N, C-alpha and C. Protein backbone atom coordinates (compact mmCIF):
# COMPACT_ATOMS: atom_id res chain seq x y z
N MET A 1 34.83 18.05 5.07
CA MET A 1 34.34 16.89 4.84
C MET A 1 32.68 17.05 5.28
N ASN A 2 31.67 16.51 4.44
CA ASN A 2 30.26 16.04 5.09
C ASN A 2 30.47 14.73 5.26
N THR A 3 29.62 14.35 6.45
CA THR A 3 29.55 12.85 6.89
C THR A 3 27.99 12.62 6.23
N ILE A 4 27.74 11.28 6.18
CA ILE A 4 26.57 11.20 5.77
C ILE A 4 25.92 10.22 6.95
N GLU A 5 24.69 10.67 7.53
CA GLU A 5 24.12 10.16 8.44
C GLU A 5 23.60 8.83 8.26
N SER A 6 23.72 7.66 8.78
CA SER A 6 23.42 6.35 8.42
C SER A 6 22.25 6.01 9.58
N TYR A 7 21.09 5.40 8.90
CA TYR A 7 20.11 4.66 9.61
C TYR A 7 20.13 3.35 9.40
N LYS A 8 19.06 2.86 10.44
CA LYS A 8 18.72 1.27 9.94
C LYS A 8 17.21 1.56 10.07
N LEU A 9 16.61 0.52 9.53
CA LEU A 9 14.97 0.23 9.88
C LEU A 9 14.67 -0.08 11.42
N SER A 10 13.85 0.49 11.84
CA SER A 10 13.52 0.13 13.68
C SER A 10 12.38 -1.40 13.02
N ASP A 11 12.30 -1.98 14.12
CA ASP A 11 11.31 -3.05 14.22
C ASP A 11 9.87 -2.80 13.66
N GLN A 12 9.29 -0.98 13.99
CA GLN A 12 8.11 -0.64 13.50
C GLN A 12 8.02 -0.81 11.87
N ALA A 13 9.27 -0.17 11.60
CA ALA A 13 9.16 -0.11 10.25
C ALA A 13 9.55 -1.04 9.26
N LEU A 14 10.01 -2.22 9.66
CA LEU A 14 10.20 -3.63 9.16
C LEU A 14 8.94 -4.02 8.98
N GLY A 15 8.23 -3.90 10.22
CA GLY A 15 6.66 -4.39 10.30
C GLY A 15 6.03 -3.73 9.38
N ALA A 16 5.79 -2.50 9.01
CA ALA A 16 5.26 -1.64 8.09
C ALA A 16 5.36 -2.07 6.55
N ILE A 17 6.85 -2.65 6.43
CA ILE A 17 7.31 -3.16 5.02
C ILE A 17 6.63 -4.60 4.82
N MET A 18 6.58 -5.36 6.06
CA MET A 18 6.05 -6.66 5.98
C MET A 18 4.46 -6.57 5.82
N MET A 19 3.75 -5.94 6.18
CA MET A 19 2.39 -5.56 6.19
C MET A 19 2.17 -5.09 4.67
N ALA A 20 2.88 -4.06 3.97
CA ALA A 20 2.54 -3.97 2.76
C ALA A 20 2.95 -4.80 1.76
N LEU A 21 3.87 -5.71 2.17
CA LEU A 21 4.27 -7.02 1.31
C LEU A 21 2.83 -7.74 1.06
N GLN A 22 2.64 -8.22 2.32
CA GLN A 22 1.68 -9.19 2.37
C GLN A 22 0.70 -8.75 1.84
N ASN A 23 -0.09 -7.26 2.34
CA ASN A 23 -1.33 -6.71 1.39
C ASN A 23 -1.37 -6.92 -0.33
N SER A 24 -0.02 -6.23 -0.45
CA SER A 24 0.40 -6.31 -1.74
C SER A 24 0.30 -7.94 -2.42
N LEU A 25 0.74 -8.81 -1.90
CA LEU A 25 0.58 -10.23 -2.49
C LEU A 25 -1.07 -10.74 -2.45
N LEU A 26 -1.56 -10.43 -1.21
CA LEU A 26 -3.05 -10.75 -1.04
C LEU A 26 -3.65 -10.25 -2.34
N GLN A 27 -3.54 -8.61 -2.26
CA GLN A 27 -4.58 -8.09 -3.65
C GLN A 27 -3.69 -8.18 -4.80
N GLN A 28 -2.79 -8.51 -5.17
CA GLN A 28 -1.93 -8.89 -6.30
C GLN A 28 -1.59 -7.65 -6.68
N SER A 29 -1.30 -6.57 -6.08
CA SER A 29 -1.11 -5.36 -6.64
C SER A 29 0.72 -4.82 -6.27
N ASP A 30 0.43 -3.76 -6.69
CA ASP A 30 2.10 -3.06 -7.07
C ASP A 30 2.36 -2.66 -5.80
N ILE A 31 3.45 -3.06 -5.06
CA ILE A 31 4.03 -2.57 -3.80
C ILE A 31 4.79 -1.18 -3.87
N VAL A 32 5.45 -0.89 -4.95
CA VAL A 32 6.17 0.10 -5.10
C VAL A 32 5.62 1.44 -4.62
N PRO A 33 3.97 1.80 -5.19
CA PRO A 33 3.39 3.24 -4.86
C PRO A 33 3.52 3.31 -3.16
N VAL A 34 3.34 2.21 -2.30
CA VAL A 34 2.68 2.13 -1.20
C VAL A 34 4.11 2.37 -0.58
N LEU A 35 5.40 2.01 -1.13
CA LEU A 35 6.77 2.11 -0.30
C LEU A 35 6.96 3.20 -0.37
N LYS A 36 6.49 4.12 -1.55
CA LYS A 36 7.27 5.54 -1.72
C LYS A 36 6.46 6.40 -1.09
N ALA A 37 5.28 5.90 -0.87
CA ALA A 37 4.40 6.79 -0.06
C ALA A 37 4.74 6.95 1.62
N PHE A 38 5.77 5.76 2.03
CA PHE A 38 5.87 5.70 3.42
C PHE A 38 6.69 7.15 3.44
N GLU A 39 6.41 7.84 4.76
CA GLU A 39 6.81 8.91 5.40
C GLU A 39 7.59 8.46 6.94
N LEU A 40 8.97 8.65 6.39
CA LEU A 40 10.15 8.17 7.28
C LEU A 40 10.52 9.16 8.54
N VAL A 41 10.79 8.95 9.62
CA VAL A 41 11.16 9.99 10.43
C VAL A 41 12.61 9.17 11.48
N PRO A 42 12.93 10.11 12.11
CA PRO A 42 14.25 9.08 12.90
C PRO A 42 13.17 8.83 14.46
N ASN A 43 13.93 7.62 14.66
CA ASN A 43 13.34 7.19 16.07
C ASN A 43 13.81 8.08 17.29
N ASP A 44 12.82 8.90 18.01
CA ASP A 44 13.62 9.12 19.25
C ASP A 44 13.99 8.51 20.08
N GLY A 45 13.53 7.13 20.10
CA GLY A 45 14.12 6.25 21.33
C GLY A 45 15.42 5.74 20.94
N ALA A 46 15.93 5.37 19.53
CA ALA A 46 16.80 5.04 19.04
C ALA A 46 17.66 5.86 17.84
N VAL A 47 18.62 6.59 18.10
CA VAL A 47 19.14 7.57 17.43
C VAL A 47 19.27 7.17 15.76
N ASP A 48 19.50 5.72 15.67
CA ASP A 48 20.29 5.39 14.38
C ASP A 48 19.08 4.42 13.52
N GLU A 49 17.97 4.85 14.39
CA GLU A 49 16.74 3.93 13.52
C GLU A 49 15.78 5.07 12.79
N LEU A 50 14.90 4.43 11.65
CA LEU A 50 13.50 4.96 11.47
C LEU A 50 12.29 4.49 11.85
N LEU A 51 11.56 5.19 11.66
CA LEU A 51 10.05 4.99 12.01
C LEU A 51 9.34 5.21 10.78
N VAL A 52 8.27 4.75 10.63
CA VAL A 52 7.16 4.82 9.22
C VAL A 52 6.02 5.47 10.17
N THR A 53 5.93 6.86 9.44
CA THR A 53 4.73 7.69 10.32
C THR A 53 3.20 7.19 9.84
N ASN A 54 3.14 6.64 8.81
CA ASN A 54 1.97 6.22 7.94
C ASN A 54 1.90 4.76 7.44
N PRO A 55 2.13 3.89 8.27
CA PRO A 55 1.84 2.72 7.93
C PRO A 55 0.75 1.95 7.72
N PRO A 56 0.83 1.18 6.64
CA PRO A 56 -0.27 0.52 5.66
C PRO A 56 -1.32 -0.04 6.72
N THR A 57 -2.68 0.09 6.45
CA THR A 57 -3.87 -0.55 7.53
C THR A 57 -3.90 -1.96 6.52
N VAL A 58 -4.73 -2.64 7.11
CA VAL A 58 -5.02 -3.82 6.52
C VAL A 58 -6.58 -4.53 6.99
N HIS A 59 -7.23 -4.27 6.18
CA HIS A 59 -8.99 -4.57 6.48
C HIS A 59 -9.25 -5.99 6.12
N ILE A 60 -9.84 -6.46 7.21
CA ILE A 60 -10.40 -7.72 7.16
C ILE A 60 -11.76 -7.90 6.91
N ASP A 61 -12.49 -8.63 5.92
CA ASP A 61 -13.91 -8.80 5.66
C ASP A 61 -13.99 -10.27 6.52
N LEU A 62 -14.72 -9.52 8.00
CA LEU A 62 -15.13 -10.80 9.03
C LEU A 62 -15.99 -11.65 8.38
N ASP A 63 -17.14 -11.38 7.21
CA ASP A 63 -18.35 -11.66 7.14
C ASP A 63 -17.38 -13.04 6.01
N SER A 64 -16.23 -13.20 5.61
CA SER A 64 -15.73 -13.88 4.86
C SER A 64 -14.64 -14.89 5.32
N LEU A 65 -14.79 -14.97 6.90
CA LEU A 65 -13.91 -15.63 7.86
C LEU A 65 -14.98 -16.48 8.10
N THR A 66 -14.34 -18.06 8.32
CA THR A 66 -15.28 -19.00 8.71
C THR A 66 -14.94 -19.39 9.81
N ASP A 67 -15.61 -20.02 10.64
CA ASP A 67 -15.27 -20.27 12.37
C ASP A 67 -14.68 -21.74 12.39
N SER A 68 -13.47 -21.68 12.98
CA SER A 68 -12.83 -23.03 12.91
C SER A 68 -13.12 -23.98 13.83
N THR A 69 -14.21 -23.31 14.42
CA THR A 69 -14.50 -24.19 15.58
C THR A 69 -15.59 -25.05 15.27
N GLU A 70 -16.53 -24.86 13.93
CA GLU A 70 -17.34 -25.67 13.29
C GLU A 70 -17.12 -26.89 12.90
């Protein structure tokens, strides 16, 4: 009988999902392609956890930010 390995998402993987969700909401875009593109690998530091090797990046337009001290 074959056993199925079980994994949980690492804190890093959860953070990658949350960043993808936030970026999707801000850009009003579909999150599915981003999630499908995630490359998951076992975490060497924790046997039962997965890491995302290609987490999303967020670009901030500094010119659009206002100085809160004014």
